[in-house]
Amino acid sequence: PVVLPVELSLVPDCVSSYEDVCNALRHAVHLCELLANQQGYIPNTYCLRVSLLQHLLTAVIPLPLPCSHPQRASRCFWAASPMRYETQADLLRLLNLACRHFAACCFSIRVTRSFDAVRLVVV
């Protein structure tokens, strides 16, 4: 069997635009699919996928600032420019795929207190 390399470093450490968010999500979903398809050859794929998606959703993609924040227009790229419909649809589709991978992995890993906290924060 041919085992394809799983480059977890494809997911960036920070994003600063809608396109960066879509690319980061696209890379994460692709890596989750690679790990899922090669789980017989790569150990601990469930843990790797959960860790990847946790890092992406809690550390890489920033939360939008509140509507009442005085510097929202200048410091928050979510509010800085309008989002096109195709970008919005792509973002929602990629979030759906990432959440499916996360949910499948969550039900495949033994639950501990710390992992239960991860599930609550990410979802």
Foldseek 3Di string as FASTA:
>chain_A
DDQDDQPLPQQDQADDALVNLLSNLVSLLVSLVSCVVCPVPDDPSLVVNLVSLLSSQPGHDDDQDDPPDPCRCPPGNPNVDDDDPVSVVSNVVSVVSSVVSNVVSLVVDDDDPVVVVSVVVRD
